[in-house]
Amino acid sequence: MKIKIIFLVLLCSSMMMETTKNIDISEIYKVQFFAMGGVGFSGEQTLGEKIFSLIISQDNNLKTFHKVYIKGNNNAKVYAICL
């Protein structure tokens, strides 16, 4: 039973990492809505929040969020000021 649980945890974490690898950061300029935390029945992160997390992990995140605030739509601007 413990092995099954460990396998499921590893499988889910690898799936989450895979989804963040293929995200284009420029998509944050035109996000459809702002949401933090789990959304919907499955509690998934929105695309905007995934991109937000990727930008936070970068060294030049202040410059990136400044660009997002200048060029992005209103929803993107909210992500930018959340830094």
N, C-alpha and C. Protein backbone atom coordinates (compact mmCIF):
# COMPACT_ATOMS: atom_id res chain seq x y z
N MET A 1 0.82 -1.20 0.00
CA MET A 1 0.00 0.00 0.00
C MET A 1 0.86 1.26 0.00
N LYS A 2 1.93 1.26 0.80
CA LYS A 2 2.81 2.43 0.85
C LYS A 2 3.47 2.67 -0.49
N ILE A 3 3.82 1.61 -1.16
CA ILE A 3 4.48 1.75 -2.46
C ILE A 3 3.52 2.38 -3.47
N LYS A 4 2.25 2.02 -3.42
CA LYS A 4 1.26 2.60 -4.33
C LYS A 4 1.11 4.10 -4.08
N ILE A 5 1.08 4.47 -2.82
CA ILE A 5 0.94 5.89 -2.47
C ILE A 5 2.16 6.68 -2.94
N ILE A 6 3.34 6.13 -2.70
CA ILE A 6 4.57 6.80 -3.14
C ILE A 6 4.59 6.93 -4.65
N PHE A 7 4.18 5.88 -5.34
CA PHE A 7 4.14 5.92 -6.80
C PHE A 7 3.19 7.00 -7.29
N LEU A 8 2.01 7.10 -6.68
CA LEU A 8 1.04 8.12 -7.09
C LEU A 8 1.55 9.53 -6.83
N VAL A 9 2.21 9.73 -5.71
CA VAL A 9 2.77 11.05 -5.40
C VAL A 9 3.83 11.42 -6.42
N LEU A 10 4.72 10.49 -6.73
CA LEU A 10 5.77 10.76 -7.71
C LEU A 10 5.18 11.01 -9.10
N LEU A 11 4.18 10.26 -9.46
CA LEU A 11 3.54 10.43 -10.75
C LEU A 11 2.89 11.80 -10.87
N CYS A 12 2.17 12.20 -9.84
CA CYS A 12 1.50 13.50 -9.86
C CYS A 12 2.51 14.65 -9.88
N SER A 13 3.58 14.52 -9.12
CA SER A 13 4.57 15.60 -9.10
C SER A 13 5.29 15.71 -10.43
N SER A 14 5.55 14.59 -11.08
CA SER A 14 6.20 14.65 -12.39
C SER A 14 5.26 15.25 -13.43
N MET A 15 3.98 14.99 -13.31
CA MET A 15 3.02 15.59 -14.23
C MET A 15 2.95 17.09 -14.05
N MET A 16 3.00 17.56 -12.81
CA MET A 16 2.99 19.00 -12.54
C MET A 16 4.23 19.67 -13.10
N MET A 17 5.38 19.03 -12.96
CA MET A 17 6.62 19.61 -13.48
C MET A 17 6.59 19.67 -14.99
N GLU A 18 6.01 18.67 -15.62
CA GLU A 18 5.94 18.65 -17.08
C GLU A 18 5.07 19.78 -17.60
N THR A 19 4.00 20.09 -16.91
CA THR A 19 3.12 21.14 -17.40
C THR A 19 3.77 22.52 -17.30
N THR A 20 4.67 22.72 -16.35
CA THR A 20 5.30 24.02 -16.24
C THR A 20 6.47 24.17 -17.20
N LYS A 21 7.02 23.09 -17.72
CA LYS A 21 8.14 23.18 -18.65
C LYS A 21 7.71 23.75 -20.00
N ASN A 22 6.51 23.47 -20.42
CA ASN A 22 6.06 23.82 -21.76
C ASN A 22 5.25 25.11 -21.81
N ILE A 23 5.36 25.93 -20.80
CA ILE A 23 4.57 27.16 -20.74
C ILE A 23 5.37 28.33 -21.32
N ASP A 24 4.72 29.10 -22.18
CA ASP A 24 5.32 30.31 -22.74
C ASP A 24 5.01 31.48 -21.81
N ILE A 25 6.05 32.09 -21.28
CA ILE A 25 5.87 33.17 -20.29
C ILE A 25 5.12 34.36 -20.88
N SER A 26 5.25 34.59 -22.16
CA SER A 26 4.57 35.74 -22.77
C SER A 26 3.05 35.60 -22.74
N GLU A 27 2.55 34.42 -22.43
CA GLU A 27 1.10 34.23 -22.33
C GLU A 27 0.49 35.02 -21.18
N ILE A 28 1.31 35.44 -20.22
CA ILE A 28 0.77 36.18 -19.07
C ILE A 28 0.23 37.55 -19.49
N TYR A 29 0.70 38.09 -20.59
CA TYR A 29 0.24 39.40 -21.04
C TYR A 29 -1.25 39.41 -21.38
N LYS A 30 -1.80 38.26 -21.68
CA LYS A 30 -3.20 38.20 -22.12
C LYS A 30 -4.01 37.14 -21.36
N VAL A 31 -3.71 36.93 -20.07
CA VAL A 31 -4.47 35.95 -19.30
C VAL A 31 -5.94 36.35 -19.24
N GLN A 32 -6.80 35.35 -19.20
CA GLN A 32 -8.25 35.60 -19.24
C GLN A 32 -8.81 36.05 -17.90
N PHE A 33 -8.25 35.55 -16.80
CA PHE A 33 -8.73 35.94 -15.48
C PHE A 33 -7.62 35.77 -14.46
N PHE A 34 -7.78 36.43 -13.31
CA PHE A 34 -6.81 36.35 -12.22
C PHE A 34 -7.36 35.40 -11.16
N ALA A 35 -6.53 34.46 -10.73
CA ALA A 35 -6.91 33.56 -9.64
C ALA A 35 -5.64 33.02 -9.00
N MET A 36 -5.66 32.94 -7.68
CA MET A 36 -4.55 32.33 -6.93
C MET A 36 -5.12 31.17 -6.14
N GLY A 37 -4.39 30.08 -6.12
CA GLY A 37 -4.85 28.90 -5.40
C GLY A 37 -5.59 27.97 -6.34
N GLY A 38 -6.09 26.90 -5.79
CA GLY A 38 -6.79 25.91 -6.59
C GLY A 38 -8.11 26.44 -7.14
N VAL A 39 -8.38 26.10 -8.39
CA VAL A 39 -9.60 26.57 -9.05
C VAL A 39 -10.35 25.35 -9.58
N GLY A 40 -11.65 25.38 -9.44
CA GLY A 40 -12.48 24.31 -9.96
C GLY A 40 -12.56 23.12 -9.01
N PHE A 41 -13.19 22.05 -9.50
CA PHE A 41 -13.38 20.86 -8.68
C PHE A 41 -12.06 20.15 -8.38
N SER A 42 -11.14 20.19 -9.33
CA SER A 42 -9.87 19.48 -9.13
C SER A 42 -8.84 20.34 -8.40
N GLY A 43 -9.10 21.60 -8.21
CA GLY A 43 -8.17 22.47 -7.49
C GLY A 43 -6.90 22.76 -8.26
N GLU A 44 -7.00 22.86 -9.58
CA GLU A 44 -5.82 23.11 -10.41
C GLU A 44 -5.41 24.58 -10.36
N GLN A 45 -4.12 24.80 -10.61
CA GLN A 45 -3.63 26.17 -10.77
C GLN A 45 -4.01 26.66 -12.16
N THR A 46 -4.32 27.93 -12.25
CA THR A 46 -4.61 28.52 -13.55
C THR A 46 -3.31 28.71 -14.33
N LEU A 47 -3.43 28.94 -15.61
CA LEU A 47 -2.26 29.19 -16.44
C LEU A 47 -1.53 30.44 -15.94
N GLY A 48 -2.28 31.46 -15.58
CA GLY A 48 -1.67 32.69 -15.08
C GLY A 48 -0.84 32.45 -13.83
N GLU A 49 -1.35 31.62 -12.93
CA GLU A 49 -0.60 31.34 -11.70
C GLU A 49 0.64 30.50 -11.97
N LYS A 50 0.54 29.58 -12.92
CA LYS A 50 1.72 28.78 -13.30
C LYS A 50 2.81 29.69 -13.88
N ILE A 51 2.41 30.61 -14.74
CA ILE A 51 3.37 31.54 -15.32
C ILE A 51 3.94 32.46 -14.24
N PHE A 52 3.07 32.92 -13.34
CA PHE A 52 3.51 33.75 -12.22
C PHE A 52 4.61 33.02 -11.42
N SER A 53 4.41 31.76 -11.13
CA SER A 53 5.40 30.97 -10.39
C SER A 53 6.71 30.85 -11.16
N LEU A 54 6.61 30.67 -12.48
CA LEU A 54 7.83 30.59 -13.29
C LEU A 54 8.60 31.90 -13.28
N ILE A 55 7.89 33.00 -13.39
CA ILE A 55 8.54 34.31 -13.39
C ILE A 55 9.20 34.58 -12.03
N ILE A 56 8.51 34.22 -10.96
CA ILE A 56 9.07 34.42 -9.61
C ILE A 56 10.40 33.68 -9.46
N SER A 57 10.52 32.53 -10.08
CA SER A 57 11.74 31.72 -9.92
C SER A 57 12.92 32.25 -10.74
N GLN A 58 12.68 33.23 -11.60
CA GLN A 58 13.75 33.78 -12.42
C GLN A 58 14.50 34.88 -11.68
N ASP A 59 15.74 35.11 -12.13
CA ASP A 59 16.56 36.16 -11.51
C ASP A 59 16.07 37.56 -11.86
N ASN A 60 15.57 37.75 -13.07
CA ASN A 60 15.15 39.09 -13.52
C ASN A 60 13.64 39.28 -13.39
N ASN A 61 13.06 38.77 -12.31
CA ASN A 61 11.61 38.81 -12.19
C ASN A 61 11.05 40.22 -12.04
N LEU A 62 11.80 41.15 -11.44
CA LEU A 62 11.29 42.52 -11.32
C LEU A 62 11.11 43.18 -12.68
N LYS A 63 12.09 43.00 -13.55
CA LYS A 63 11.98 43.57 -14.90
C LYS A 63 10.82 42.94 -15.67
N THR A 64 10.68 41.64 -15.52
CA THR A 64 9.61 40.95 -16.24
C THR A 64 8.25 41.43 -15.77
N PHE A 65 8.06 41.53 -14.45
CA PHE A 65 6.78 41.99 -13.94
C PHE A 65 6.52 43.46 -14.28
N HIS A 66 7.57 44.26 -14.38
CA HIS A 66 7.39 45.64 -14.81
C HIS A 66 6.87 45.68 -16.25
N LYS A 67 7.43 44.83 -17.11
CA LYS A 67 6.94 44.75 -18.50
C LYS A 67 5.50 44.27 -18.55
N VAL A 68 5.19 43.29 -17.70
CA VAL A 68 3.82 42.78 -17.66
C VAL A 68 2.86 43.87 -17.24
N TYR A 69 3.25 44.69 -16.27
CA TYR A 69 2.39 45.77 -15.81
C TYR A 69 2.19 46.82 -16.91
N ILE A 70 3.23 47.11 -17.66
CA ILE A 70 3.13 48.12 -18.72
C ILE A 70 2.33 47.59 -19.92
N LYS A 71 2.61 46.36 -20.36
CA LYS A 71 2.05 45.85 -21.61
C LYS A 71 0.86 44.92 -21.47
N GLY A 72 0.64 44.37 -20.28
CA GLY A 72 -0.40 43.36 -20.11
C GLY A 72 -1.80 43.91 -19.95
N ASN A 73 -2.77 43.02 -20.04
CA ASN A 73 -4.15 43.42 -19.80
C ASN A 73 -4.37 43.59 -18.29
N ASN A 74 -5.57 43.96 -17.89
CA ASN A 74 -5.83 44.23 -16.47
C ASN A 74 -5.57 43.02 -15.58
N ASN A 75 -5.91 41.83 -16.05
CA ASN A 75 -5.67 40.63 -15.26
C ASN A 75 -4.18 40.38 -15.08
N ALA A 76 -3.41 40.61 -16.12
CA ALA A 76 -1.95 40.44 -16.03
C ALA A 76 -1.35 41.46 -15.07
N LYS A 77 -1.91 42.65 -15.05
CA LYS A 77 -1.40 43.68 -14.15
C LYS A 77 -1.58 43.29 -12.68
N VAL A 78 -2.65 42.58 -12.38
CA VAL A 78 -2.86 42.13 -11.01
C VAL A 78 -1.78 41.12 -10.62
N TYR A 79 -1.42 40.22 -11.53
CA TYR A 79 -0.32 39.30 -11.25
C TYR A 79 0.98 40.08 -11.02
N ALA A 80 1.18 41.13 -11.80
CA ALA A 80 2.41 41.91 -11.68
C ALA A 80 2.51 42.62 -10.34
N ILE A 81 1.42 43.14 -9.82
CA ILE A 81 1.50 43.83 -8.54
C ILE A 81 1.47 42.88 -7.36
N CYS A 82 1.25 41.61 -7.59
CA CYS A 82 1.27 40.62 -6.50
C CYS A 82 2.67 40.29 -6.06
N LEU A 83 3.64 40.73 -6.80
CA LEU A 83 5.03 40.43 -6.44
C LEU A 83 5.34 41.10 -5.15
